[in-house]
Amino acid sequence: MRPVFWLLGLSGSGKTTLGSLLYRHLRACGQDAVFIDGDCFRRQFGFSGFSPADRHRNIDAMRAYALQQCAQGKTCIVAAITPYAAMRQKNREQIPLYREIWVRCSLQTLMLRDTKGFYARAARGEMALLSGISDTFDDALHADLVIDTDHLTLMQSWARLRDELKAISN
């Protein structure tokens, strides 16, 4: 069984960027790896909606897919908001080599970045159930690694993630 690196955090925090860097690094080192991005996964498998039930269903499906890939000998990198503590607890219980990485960023910084325009839409009342604004995001109190992307550069954030990878490889 291979590890699952689960990057979680609010929209725009840098999960996908860091996850794709980790994926490319593992592939360059000759490891068989798969990158599962929450947005792409939802589109690919037809998941829509952002209610708590929809979010649980989507994370359950990503977890099952990651486990299937790990059973085939692949290291999995998942980048998904994963807003509820119960989701993460279920990951810990069901994924043998689960590594939880909280890509943390302040709401103030995320609102300034607003890479997808979600925060502006939520502020105008055009978007309901945005994690951290109009829907819950439980702090990841049991994360194996916390990367504060509003205080670290991309290269510093990547170095923290790479160091975590080295630590578990030894």
Protein backbone atom coordinates (compact mmCIF):
# COMPACT_ATOMS: atom_id res chain seq x y z
CA MET A 1 0.00 0.00 0.00
CA ARG A 2 1.31 3.43 -0.97
CA PRO A 3 0.74 6.70 0.93
CA VAL A 4 -2.01 9.24 0.32
CA PHE A 5 -0.98 12.86 0.69
CA TRP A 6 -4.24 14.74 1.30
CA LEU A 7 -3.86 18.50 0.86
CA LEU A 8 -6.81 20.39 2.29
CA GLY A 9 -7.70 24.01 2.81
CA LEU A 10 -9.94 26.81 1.65
CA SER A 11 -10.41 27.73 -2.00
CA GLY A 12 -7.36 29.55 -3.32
CA SER A 13 -5.01 28.47 -0.53
CA GLY A 14 -2.60 26.67 -2.88
CA LYS A 15 -3.65 23.01 -2.58
CA THR A 16 -3.64 22.31 -6.32
CA THR A 17 -0.39 24.19 -6.92
CA LEU A 18 1.47 22.33 -4.16
CA GLY A 19 -0.17 19.02 -5.00
CA SER A 20 0.86 19.27 -8.65
CA LEU A 21 4.44 20.11 -7.61
CA LEU A 22 4.50 17.03 -5.38
CA TYR A 23 3.08 14.89 -8.18
CA ARG A 24 5.70 16.10 -10.67
CA HIS A 25 8.47 15.56 -8.10
CA LEU A 26 7.38 11.98 -7.38
CA ARG A 27 7.10 11.19 -11.08
CA ALA A 28 10.57 12.68 -11.72
CA CYS A 29 11.89 10.37 -8.96
CA GLY A 30 10.42 7.38 -10.80
CA GLN A 31 7.44 6.79 -8.53
CA ASP A 32 4.08 5.79 -9.92
CA ALA A 33 1.78 8.54 -8.67
CA VAL A 34 -1.67 9.94 -9.36
CA PHE A 35 -2.92 13.47 -8.71
CA ILE A 36 -6.58 13.85 -7.73
CA ASP A 37 -7.78 17.45 -7.83
CA GLY A 38 -11.15 18.08 -6.18
CA ASP A 39 -12.50 20.38 -8.91
CA CYS A 40 -11.44 18.08 -11.75
CA PHE A 41 -12.73 15.00 -9.92
CA ARG A 42 -16.15 16.60 -9.42
CA ARG A 43 -16.41 17.50 -13.11
CA GLN A 44 -15.09 14.14 -14.32
CA PHE A 45 -17.49 12.10 -12.23
CA GLY A 46 -20.49 14.41 -12.49
CA PHE A 47 -20.64 15.55 -8.87
CA SER A 48 -22.37 18.87 -8.47
CA GLY A 49 -23.72 20.76 -5.52
CA PHE A 50 -22.04 22.03 -2.41
CA SER A 51 -24.44 21.03 0.35
CA PRO A 52 -22.86 19.16 3.26
CA ALA A 53 -24.33 15.91 1.90
CA ASP A 54 -22.88 16.62 -1.56
CA ARG A 55 -19.49 17.42 -0.06
CA HIS A 56 -19.47 14.19 1.98
CA ARG A 57 -20.43 12.15 -1.08
CA ASN A 58 -17.66 13.74 -3.14
CA ILE A 59 -14.97 13.21 -0.49
CA ASP A 60 -16.16 9.61 0.04
CA ALA A 61 -15.77 9.02 -3.71
CA MET A 62 -12.30 10.60 -3.78
CA ARG A 63 -11.24 8.50 -0.78
CA ALA A 64 -12.46 5.31 -2.47
CA TYR A 65 -10.68 6.23 -5.70
CA ALA A 66 -7.44 7.03 -3.85
CA LEU A 67 -7.60 3.70 -2.00
CA GLN A 68 -8.12 1.89 -5.28
CA GLN A 69 -5.10 3.63 -6.81
CA CYS A 70 -2.95 2.89 -3.74
CA ALA A 71 -3.91 -0.78 -3.93
CA GLN A 72 -2.49 -0.72 -7.48
CA GLY A 73 0.83 0.55 -6.11
CA LYS A 74 0.42 4.26 -6.82
CA THR A 75 1.19 7.10 -4.45
CA CYS A 76 -1.84 9.42 -4.34
CA ILE A 77 -1.89 13.16 -3.97
CA VAL A 78 -5.36 14.58 -3.28
CA ALA A 79 -6.09 18.33 -3.34
CA ALA A 80 -9.59 18.98 -2.02
CA ILE A 81 -11.10 21.50 0.41
CA THR A 82 -12.28 18.69 2.75
CA PRO A 83 -13.99 21.18 5.08
CA TYR A 84 -15.37 18.97 7.84
CA ALA A 85 -13.42 17.27 10.63
CA ALA A 86 -15.59 14.14 10.24
CA MET A 87 -14.36 13.71 6.66
CA ARG A 88 -10.75 13.86 7.77
CA GLN A 89 -11.40 11.44 10.63
CA LYS A 90 -12.91 8.98 8.16
CA ASN A 91 -9.80 9.38 5.99
CA ARG A 92 -7.60 8.56 8.99
CA GLU A 93 -9.68 5.49 9.77
CA GLN A 94 -9.87 4.13 6.22
CA ILE A 95 -6.58 5.12 4.55
CA PRO A 96 -3.67 3.15 6.02
CA LEU A 97 -0.87 5.60 5.07
CA TYR A 98 -2.81 8.85 5.27
CA ARG A 99 -0.81 12.09 5.48
CA GLU A 100 -2.94 15.16 6.16
CA ILE A 101 -1.49 18.46 4.95
CA TRP A 102 -3.37 21.63 5.80
CA VAL A 103 -2.64 24.34 3.26
CA ARG A 104 -3.72 27.17 5.52
CA CYS A 105 -4.30 30.75 4.45
CA SER A 106 -6.14 33.61 6.11
CA LEU A 107 -9.51 34.67 4.72
CA GLN A 108 -8.15 38.19 4.28
CA THR A 109 -5.39 36.93 1.96
CA LEU A 110 -7.76 34.59 0.14
CA MET A 111 -10.19 37.43 -0.51
CA LEU A 112 -7.35 39.47 -1.98
CA ARG A 113 -6.15 36.57 -4.16
CA ASP A 114 -9.67 35.40 -5.09
CA THR A 115 -8.22 33.28 -7.91
CA LYS A 116 -11.63 31.91 -8.96
CA GLY A 117 -13.77 34.92 -8.05
CA PHE A 118 -15.64 32.92 -5.41
CA TYR A 119 -15.09 35.34 -2.53
CA ALA A 120 -16.34 38.33 -4.53
CA ARG A 121 -19.40 36.34 -5.64
CA ALA A 122 -20.10 35.29 -2.05
CA ALA A 123 -19.76 38.91 -0.86
CA ARG A 124 -22.35 39.96 -3.47
CA GLY A 125 -24.69 37.17 -2.32
CA GLU A 126 -24.34 35.30 -5.61
CA MET A 127 -22.76 32.19 -4.13
CA ALA A 128 -24.09 30.13 -1.26
CA LEU A 129 -22.19 27.56 0.80
CA LEU A 130 -18.64 28.79 0.29
CA SER A 131 -16.35 27.06 2.78
CA GLY A 132 -15.02 29.49 5.35
CA ILE A 133 -17.63 32.14 4.50
CA SER A 134 -21.18 30.77 4.41
CA ASP A 135 -20.32 27.15 5.19
CA THR A 136 -18.14 25.61 7.86
CA PHE A 137 -14.46 24.88 7.54
CA ASP A 138 -13.24 23.04 10.62
CA ASP A 139 -9.61 23.72 11.49
CA ALA A 140 -7.43 20.69 10.76
CA LEU A 141 -6.28 20.17 14.33
CA HIS A 142 -4.64 16.80 13.61
CA ALA A 143 -2.79 17.66 10.42
CA ASP A 144 0.60 16.03 9.91
CA LEU A 145 1.84 19.25 8.33
CA VAL A 146 0.54 22.83 8.21
CA ILE A 147 1.76 25.11 5.43
CA ASP A 148 0.78 28.76 5.89
CA THR A 149 0.70 30.05 2.33
CA ASP A 150 -0.11 33.61 3.30
CA HIS A 151 3.23 33.82 5.15
CA LEU A 152 5.40 31.59 2.96
CA THR A 153 6.41 31.99 -0.67
CA LEU A 154 5.61 29.22 -3.11
CA MET A 155 9.20 27.97 -2.90
CA GLN A 156 9.15 28.02 0.92
CA SER A 157 5.82 26.17 0.91
CA TRP A 158 7.18 23.59 -1.53
CA ALA A 159 10.30 23.16 0.64
CA ARG A 160 8.10 22.40 3.68
CA LEU A 161 6.15 19.80 1.68
CA ARG A 162 9.32 18.27 0.23
CA ASP A 163 10.85 18.07 3.73
CA GLU A 164 7.75 16.21 4.95
CA LEU A 165 8.13 13.76 2.08
CA LYS A 166 11.78 13.17 2.97
CA ALA A 167 10.92 12.70 6.66
CA ILE A 168 8.43 9.93 5.99
CA SER A 169 10.67 8.29 3.38
CA ASN A 170 13.48 7.79 5.92
